Amino acid sequence: MAFKAPHVSFVSFAVDVLPAGITHVMIIETGLHLNPKHPSYDRAAVDNLISAARTYINSHVEGSASIRLVSTRSGEI
């Protein structure tokens, strides 16, 4: 089942192979600003996206997993 949530433009998956083990990584590209100091930062929207991604990971990924949010907006820093 594909992950769908507001403000998501693309989702991909990767695997980090570390000496301690393997971690599945869900990479979410979003149109949201992720820098809390940016004037257009929307904390509620970012928190909702993180919550939806965590719910998806808990239901669809076995083992160690992480979520990476990537903003497609310019002017993040």
N, C-alpha and C. Protein backbone atom coordinates (compact mmCIF):
# COMPACT_ATOMS: atom_id res chain seq x y z
N MET A 1 0.84 -1.18 0.00
CA MET A 1 0.00 0.00 0.00
C MET A 1 0.89 1.24 0.00
N ALA A 2 0.62 2.16 -0.89
CA ALA A 2 1.42 3.38 -1.01
C ALA A 2 1.10 4.34 0.14
N PHE A 3 2.12 5.09 0.55
CA PHE A 3 1.93 6.11 1.58
C PHE A 3 1.38 7.37 0.93
N LYS A 4 0.29 7.87 1.47
CA LYS A 4 -0.31 9.10 0.96
C LYS A 4 -0.62 10.00 2.14
N ALA A 5 -0.25 11.26 2.00
CA ALA A 5 -0.52 12.25 3.04
C ALA A 5 -0.45 13.63 2.41
N PRO A 6 -1.11 14.60 3.02
CA PRO A 6 -1.01 15.97 2.50
C PRO A 6 0.45 16.45 2.49
N HIS A 7 0.77 17.26 1.52
CA HIS A 7 2.09 17.90 1.38
C HIS A 7 3.19 16.95 0.92
N VAL A 8 2.85 15.73 0.51
CA VAL A 8 3.87 14.77 0.06
C VAL A 8 3.91 14.76 -1.45
N SER A 9 5.11 14.96 -2.01
CA SER A 9 5.25 14.94 -3.46
C SER A 9 5.86 13.64 -3.97
N PHE A 10 6.67 12.96 -3.14
CA PHE A 10 7.33 11.73 -3.58
C PHE A 10 7.78 10.95 -2.36
N VAL A 11 7.69 9.62 -2.45
CA VAL A 11 8.15 8.75 -1.38
C VAL A 11 9.04 7.67 -1.99
N SER A 12 10.18 7.44 -1.37
CA SER A 12 11.04 6.35 -1.79
C SER A 12 11.58 5.65 -0.55
N PHE A 13 12.18 4.52 -0.77
CA PHE A 13 12.72 3.74 0.34
C PHE A 13 14.17 3.40 0.07
N ALA A 14 14.96 3.34 1.13
CA ALA A 14 16.37 2.99 1.04
C ALA A 14 16.69 2.05 2.19
N VAL A 15 17.89 1.51 2.15
CA VAL A 15 18.37 0.66 3.22
C VAL A 15 19.74 1.19 3.64
N ASP A 16 19.88 1.50 4.93
CA ASP A 16 21.18 1.87 5.49
C ASP A 16 21.80 0.61 6.07
N VAL A 17 23.00 0.28 5.60
CA VAL A 17 23.72 -0.88 6.09
C VAL A 17 24.84 -0.37 6.98
N LEU A 18 24.73 -0.64 8.26
CA LEU A 18 25.68 -0.16 9.25
C LEU A 18 26.30 -1.35 9.98
N PRO A 19 27.43 -1.15 10.64
CA PRO A 19 28.01 -2.25 11.41
C PRO A 19 27.04 -2.84 12.44
N ALA A 20 26.16 -2.00 12.98
CA ALA A 20 25.20 -2.47 13.98
C ALA A 20 23.99 -3.17 13.38
N GLY A 21 23.82 -3.11 12.05
CA GLY A 21 22.68 -3.77 11.42
C GLY A 21 22.10 -2.97 10.28
N ILE A 22 20.95 -3.41 9.83
CA ILE A 22 20.28 -2.80 8.69
C ILE A 22 19.09 -1.97 9.18
N THR A 23 18.96 -0.77 8.62
CA THR A 23 17.83 0.10 8.92
C THR A 23 17.13 0.45 7.62
N HIS A 24 15.83 0.25 7.57
CA HIS A 24 15.02 0.65 6.42
C HIS A 24 14.72 2.14 6.57
N VAL A 25 14.83 2.88 5.48
CA VAL A 25 14.64 4.33 5.52
C VAL A 25 13.52 4.71 4.56
N MET A 26 12.53 5.41 5.09
CA MET A 26 11.44 5.95 4.28
C MET A 26 11.80 7.42 4.02
N ILE A 27 11.96 7.78 2.76
CA ILE A 27 12.35 9.14 2.38
C ILE A 27 11.12 9.83 1.81
N ILE A 28 10.74 10.92 2.45
CA ILE A 28 9.54 11.65 2.05
C ILE A 28 9.93 13.04 1.57
N GLU A 29 9.60 13.33 0.32
CA GLU A 29 9.80 14.69 -0.20
C GLU A 29 8.51 15.46 0.00
N THR A 30 8.66 16.67 0.52
CA THR A 30 7.49 17.47 0.87
C THR A 30 7.67 18.92 0.44
N GLY A 31 6.57 19.56 0.15
CA GLY A 31 6.58 20.98 -0.18
C GLY A 31 6.59 21.87 1.05
N LEU A 32 6.58 21.27 2.22
CA LEU A 32 6.61 22.04 3.46
C LEU A 32 8.01 22.58 3.73
N HIS A 33 8.08 23.72 4.35
CA HIS A 33 9.36 24.20 4.87
C HIS A 33 9.65 23.43 6.15
N LEU A 34 10.88 22.97 6.33
CA LEU A 34 11.24 22.18 7.49
C LEU A 34 12.10 22.95 8.49
N ASN A 35 12.49 24.14 8.14
CA ASN A 35 13.29 24.98 9.03
C ASN A 35 12.33 25.77 9.93
N PRO A 36 12.36 25.51 11.24
CA PRO A 36 11.43 26.21 12.14
C PRO A 36 11.59 27.73 12.14
N LYS A 37 12.71 28.25 11.67
CA LYS A 37 12.92 29.70 11.64
C LYS A 37 12.40 30.34 10.34
N HIS A 38 11.99 29.51 9.39
CA HIS A 38 11.46 30.06 8.14
C HIS A 38 10.06 30.63 8.41
N PRO A 39 9.73 31.80 7.85
CA PRO A 39 8.41 32.40 8.11
C PRO A 39 7.23 31.54 7.68
N SER A 40 7.42 30.65 6.71
CA SER A 40 6.32 29.81 6.24
C SER A 40 6.28 28.43 6.91
N TYR A 41 7.12 28.24 7.92
CA TYR A 41 7.14 26.95 8.63
C TYR A 41 5.78 26.72 9.30
N ASP A 42 5.23 25.54 9.11
CA ASP A 42 3.94 25.17 9.68
C ASP A 42 4.13 23.96 10.58
N ARG A 43 4.35 24.22 11.86
CA ARG A 43 4.65 23.15 12.81
C ARG A 43 3.57 22.07 12.82
N ALA A 44 2.31 22.46 12.80
CA ALA A 44 1.23 21.48 12.84
C ALA A 44 1.26 20.56 11.62
N ALA A 45 1.50 21.12 10.44
CA ALA A 45 1.54 20.31 9.22
C ALA A 45 2.73 19.35 9.25
N VAL A 46 3.88 19.82 9.73
CA VAL A 46 5.06 18.96 9.83
C VAL A 46 4.80 17.85 10.84
N ASP A 47 4.26 18.20 12.00
CA ASP A 47 3.95 17.19 13.02
C ASP A 47 2.95 16.16 12.50
N ASN A 48 1.94 16.61 11.76
CA ASN A 48 0.96 15.67 11.19
C ASN A 48 1.60 14.74 10.17
N LEU A 49 2.51 15.26 9.36
CA LEU A 49 3.21 14.43 8.38
C LEU A 49 4.07 13.39 9.09
N ILE A 50 4.79 13.80 10.11
CA ILE A 50 5.62 12.85 10.87
C ILE A 50 4.76 11.77 11.50
N SER A 51 3.65 12.16 12.08
CA SER A 51 2.74 11.19 12.71
C SER A 51 2.20 10.18 11.69
N ALA A 52 1.80 10.67 10.53
CA ALA A 52 1.29 9.77 9.48
C ALA A 52 2.38 8.82 9.00
N ALA A 53 3.60 9.32 8.86
CA ALA A 53 4.71 8.48 8.42
C ALA A 53 5.03 7.41 9.47
N ARG A 54 5.02 7.79 10.73
CA ARG A 54 5.27 6.82 11.81
C ARG A 54 4.21 5.73 11.81
N THR A 55 2.96 6.11 11.63
CA THR A 55 1.88 5.12 11.58
C THR A 55 2.09 4.16 10.42
N TYR A 56 2.46 4.71 9.26
CA TYR A 56 2.71 3.86 8.09
C TYR A 56 3.87 2.89 8.36
N ILE A 57 4.97 3.41 8.88
CA ILE A 57 6.15 2.57 9.17
C ILE A 57 5.78 1.44 10.13
N ASN A 58 5.06 1.78 11.19
CA ASN A 58 4.68 0.76 12.18
C ASN A 58 3.81 -0.34 11.58
N SER A 59 3.02 -0.01 10.56
CA SER A 59 2.13 -0.99 9.95
C SER A 59 2.75 -1.77 8.80
N HIS A 60 3.80 -1.20 8.15
CA HIS A 60 4.28 -1.79 6.91
C HIS A 60 5.75 -2.20 6.88
N VAL A 61 6.51 -1.85 7.89
CA VAL A 61 7.94 -2.16 7.87
C VAL A 61 8.29 -2.99 9.10
N GLU A 62 8.98 -4.10 8.85
CA GLU A 62 9.44 -4.93 9.96
C GLU A 62 10.89 -4.59 10.26
N GLY A 63 11.23 -4.59 11.52
CA GLY A 63 12.61 -4.32 11.91
C GLY A 63 12.85 -2.83 12.11
N SER A 64 14.13 -2.51 12.16
CA SER A 64 14.54 -1.12 12.41
C SER A 64 14.21 -0.24 11.21
N ALA A 65 13.65 0.94 11.49
CA ALA A 65 13.26 1.85 10.41
C ALA A 65 13.45 3.29 10.86
N SER A 66 13.69 4.16 9.88
CA SER A 66 13.75 5.59 10.15
C SER A 66 13.02 6.33 9.04
N ILE A 67 12.73 7.60 9.32
CA ILE A 67 12.01 8.44 8.36
C ILE A 67 12.88 9.66 8.09
N ARG A 68 13.04 10.00 6.82
CA ARG A 68 13.80 11.19 6.43
C ARG A 68 12.87 12.11 5.66
N LEU A 69 12.69 13.33 6.14
CA LEU A 69 11.90 14.33 5.44
C LEU A 69 12.86 15.22 4.66
N VAL A 70 12.51 15.48 3.40
CA VAL A 70 13.31 16.33 2.52
C VAL A 70 12.39 17.39 1.95
N SER A 71 12.74 18.66 2.16
CA SER A 71 11.92 19.74 1.62
C SER A 71 12.30 20.00 0.17
N THR A 72 11.29 20.20 -0.66
CA THR A 72 11.53 20.55 -2.06
C THR A 72 11.48 22.06 -2.24
N ARG A 73 11.34 22.79 -1.15
CA ARG A 73 11.26 24.25 -1.18
C ARG A 73 12.67 24.84 -1.09
N SER A 74 12.87 25.95 -1.73
CA SER A 74 14.16 26.63 -1.62
C SER A 74 14.13 27.57 -0.41
N GLY A 75 15.28 27.99 0.01
CA GLY A 75 15.38 28.93 1.11
C GLY A 75 15.21 28.30 2.48
N GLU A 76 15.60 27.04 2.62
CA GLU A 76 15.44 26.35 3.89
C GLU A 76 16.40 26.85 4.96
N ILE A 77 17.57 27.30 4.58
CA ILE A 77 18.55 27.70 5.60
C ILE A 77 18.77 29.19 5.54
